Amino acid sequence: MSLNGKLYTVGEMVWAANKLRDGKFGVIHKIRINSHGRLIALCEFAETDITEIHLAALEPISQAVPTKIGQQYTLSYYYDGSGGMLKNVLGISPDKSVLLRLMLEDMKETPDVPLTASFYCVKEDVLRFVFENDEPNDPTYVEYTIMPTPVYPKSKEATV
C-alpha cells in the first residue's frame, strides 16, 4: 500500500512515530481502510500489544542497508556552558573547507566568553577542535568535529 510516497507492506517492520505508540518498532499484520476512509494498519509492537494505527503515523523501515553511494563530511558541535549542554550538526558538505568556514562563522556567535583553542587533532580524515575558557564562574567548553559520513540512497522498497 502506498501513502505519501512511502510503501507499506504486510509483514514489514515499521516505526510508530507518534505519542500513542511512544516511538516503538513493530510489524504490519494487516492494512485496511476504516469507516472514515483512512488507511489503518494492524501492527504488533510486542506479543501482547497488537494495535490498529493510522498508516500515516508509521514510518516504514528498509529491509536492508543499501550500498553506500558516496561520502560527505559532517560538521557537528558540542557546547557545555552557562546555557546548558547543546549538541547539533551544523552542516554537511563534500568540502571540508566549507565546513571549516562554517565553524569559524559559528564561533562568532558563541557567547561573549573568550575561548582559547586547547586541543586540535587530525586523525584518519577527522578534524577535531576543542575550545575552552578560564572563567572559574562560567566555564565553557566547545568542541567541533568534521568527519566523513557515508551517503546512502533511498530504500527501494520503502518509497514509491
Protein backbone atom coordinates (compact mmCIF):
# COMPACT_ATOMS: atom_id res chain seq x y z
CA MET A 1 0.00 0.00 0.00
CA SER A 2 1.35 3.44 -0.88
CA LEU A 3 0.74 6.62 1.13
CA ASN A 4 2.54 9.98 0.86
CA GLY A 5 5.27 8.48 -1.31
CA LYS A 6 6.01 5.64 1.12
CA LEU A 7 5.37 1.96 0.54
CA TYR A 8 3.85 -0.10 3.36
CA THR A 9 3.82 -3.90 3.13
CA VAL A 10 2.24 -6.58 5.32
CA GLY A 11 4.99 -8.39 7.24
CA GLU A 12 7.40 -5.44 7.13
CA MET A 13 8.84 -3.55 10.11
CA VAL A 14 7.67 -0.01 10.88
CA TRP A 15 8.40 2.65 13.47
CA ALA A 16 5.43 4.28 15.18
CA ALA A 17 6.35 7.95 15.21
CA ASN A 18 3.54 9.17 17.42
CA LYS A 19 2.76 9.65 21.10
CA LEU A 20 0.25 6.79 21.18
CA ARG A 21 2.91 4.15 20.47
CA ASP A 22 5.75 6.04 22.15
CA GLY A 23 8.25 5.52 19.34
CA LYS A 24 8.00 1.74 19.23
CA PHE A 25 9.03 -0.62 16.44
CA GLY A 26 6.50 -3.11 15.13
CA VAL A 27 5.38 -5.34 12.27
CA ILE A 28 2.38 -4.73 9.99
CA HIS A 29 -0.09 -7.65 10.04
CA LYS A 30 -2.93 -6.16 8.01
CA ILE A 31 -3.76 -2.94 6.12
CA ARG A 32 -7.33 -1.78 5.56
CA ILE A 33 -9.48 1.32 5.05
CA ASN A 34 -11.57 2.28 8.08
CA SER A 35 -15.13 3.68 8.05
CA HIS A 36 -13.74 7.23 7.73
CA GLY A 37 -11.76 6.34 4.59
CA ARG A 38 -8.38 6.38 6.32
CA LEU A 39 -5.72 3.73 5.84
CA ILE A 40 -5.25 1.72 9.03
CA ALA A 41 -2.63 -0.90 9.85
CA LEU A 42 -2.96 -3.68 12.37
CA CYS A 43 0.50 -3.74 13.94
CA GLU A 44 2.19 -5.92 16.51
CA PHE A 45 4.50 -3.92 18.77
CA ALA A 46 5.01 -6.75 21.29
CA GLU A 47 3.48 -10.17 21.75
CA THR A 48 0.61 -8.68 23.75
CA ASP A 49 0.46 -5.30 22.03
CA ILE A 50 -1.43 -5.58 18.73
CA THR A 51 -2.99 -2.27 17.77
CA GLU A 52 -4.76 -0.53 14.91
CA ILE A 53 -2.92 2.64 13.96
CA HIS A 54 -3.19 5.17 11.12
CA LEU A 55 -0.75 4.32 8.34
CA ALA A 56 0.38 7.96 8.24
CA ALA A 57 1.68 7.57 11.82
CA LEU A 58 4.05 4.80 10.74
CA GLU A 59 7.48 5.05 9.15
CA PRO A 60 8.45 2.03 7.02
CA ILE A 61 11.88 0.52 7.76
CA SER A 62 14.14 -0.66 4.96
CA GLN A 63 14.71 -4.42 4.79
CA ALA A 64 18.46 -3.86 4.42
CA VAL A 65 21.00 -1.06 4.35
CA PRO A 66 21.68 -0.21 0.69
CA THR A 67 25.17 0.04 -0.69
CA LYS A 68 26.98 3.27 0.15
CA ILE A 69 26.96 5.62 -2.86
CA GLY A 70 29.39 8.24 -1.65
CA GLN A 71 30.75 10.27 1.20
CA GLN A 72 30.27 13.77 2.55
CA TYR A 73 31.70 15.50 5.59
CA THR A 74 29.63 16.42 8.62
CA LEU A 75 30.37 19.32 10.99
CA SER A 76 28.98 18.71 14.46
CA TYR A 77 29.46 20.58 17.69
CA TYR A 78 29.10 20.02 21.39
CA TYR A 79 28.71 23.01 23.72
CA ASP A 80 28.73 22.94 27.51
CA GLY A 81 28.44 26.26 29.30
CA SER A 82 26.13 28.52 31.27
CA GLY A 83 23.44 28.00 28.63
CA GLY A 84 23.44 24.26 29.31
CA MET A 85 24.60 21.47 27.03
CA LEU A 86 23.90 21.59 23.31
CA LYS A 87 24.72 19.13 20.53
CA ASN A 88 23.94 19.62 16.87
CA VAL A 89 25.04 19.04 13.31
CA LEU A 90 25.86 22.39 11.73
CA GLY A 91 26.27 21.23 8.15
CA ILE A 92 27.09 18.60 5.56
CA SER A 93 29.35 19.18 2.56
CA PRO A 94 31.71 17.26 0.29
CA ASP A 95 34.27 20.01 1.01
CA LYS A 96 35.98 20.24 4.43
CA SER A 97 37.00 23.86 3.74
CA VAL A 98 33.31 24.88 3.58
CA LEU A 99 32.75 23.27 6.97
CA LEU A 100 35.85 24.95 8.42
CA ARG A 101 34.41 28.33 7.32
CA LEU A 102 31.05 27.36 8.85
CA MET A 103 32.84 26.51 12.11
CA LEU A 104 34.55 29.92 12.16
CA GLU A 105 31.23 31.67 11.48
CA ASP A 106 29.57 29.69 14.28
CA MET A 107 32.35 30.64 16.70
CA LYS A 108 31.48 34.31 16.15
CA GLU A 109 28.04 33.55 17.62
CA THR A 110 29.44 31.96 20.80
CA PRO A 111 28.64 33.92 23.98
CA ASP A 112 30.91 36.83 24.92
CA VAL A 113 33.19 34.48 26.85
CA PRO A 114 36.66 34.44 25.25
CA LEU A 115 37.56 30.91 24.15
CA THR A 116 41.07 29.58 23.65
CA ALA A 117 41.97 26.61 21.46
CA SER A 118 43.07 23.92 23.90
CA PHE A 119 43.30 20.96 21.54
CA TYR A 120 43.08 20.03 17.92
CA CYS A 121 43.54 16.67 16.26
CA VAL A 122 43.75 15.34 12.72
CA LYS A 123 43.28 11.58 12.71
CA GLU A 124 42.11 9.34 9.88
CA ASP A 125 40.35 12.14 7.95
CA VAL A 126 38.70 13.53 11.12
CA LEU A 127 39.35 17.11 12.29
CA ARG A 128 38.58 17.87 15.93
CA PHE A 129 38.85 21.30 17.59
CA VAL A 130 38.32 21.98 21.29
CA PHE A 131 37.93 25.47 22.75
CA GLU A 132 37.68 26.37 26.43
CA ASN A 133 37.84 29.42 28.66
CA ASP A 134 39.50 30.05 32.00
CA GLU A 135 36.48 31.62 33.70
CA PRO A 136 36.01 29.85 37.07
CA ASN A 137 32.45 31.16 37.47
CA ASP A 138 31.37 30.45 33.90
CA PRO A 139 33.40 27.59 32.38
CA THR A 140 32.64 26.97 28.72
CA TYR A 141 33.65 24.05 26.53
CA VAL A 142 33.02 23.89 22.76
CA GLU A 143 34.06 21.03 20.52
CA TYR A 144 33.74 20.94 16.73
CA THR A 145 34.25 17.74 14.75
CA ILE A 146 34.47 17.38 10.98
CA MET A 147 34.28 13.76 9.96
CA PRO A 148 33.47 11.64 6.92
CA THR A 149 29.88 10.45 6.74
CA PRO A 150 28.69 7.75 4.35
CA VAL A 151 25.84 8.61 1.98
CA TYR A 152 23.18 6.02 1.16
CA PRO A 153 20.42 6.09 -1.48
CA LYS A 154 16.72 5.92 -0.70
CA SER A 155 15.44 2.48 0.17
CA LYS A 156 13.87 0.96 -2.91
CA GLU A 157 11.14 -0.92 -1.05
CA ALA A 158 10.13 1.91 1.32
CA THR A 159 9.47 4.65 -1.25
CA VAL A 160 7.30 5.00 -4.31
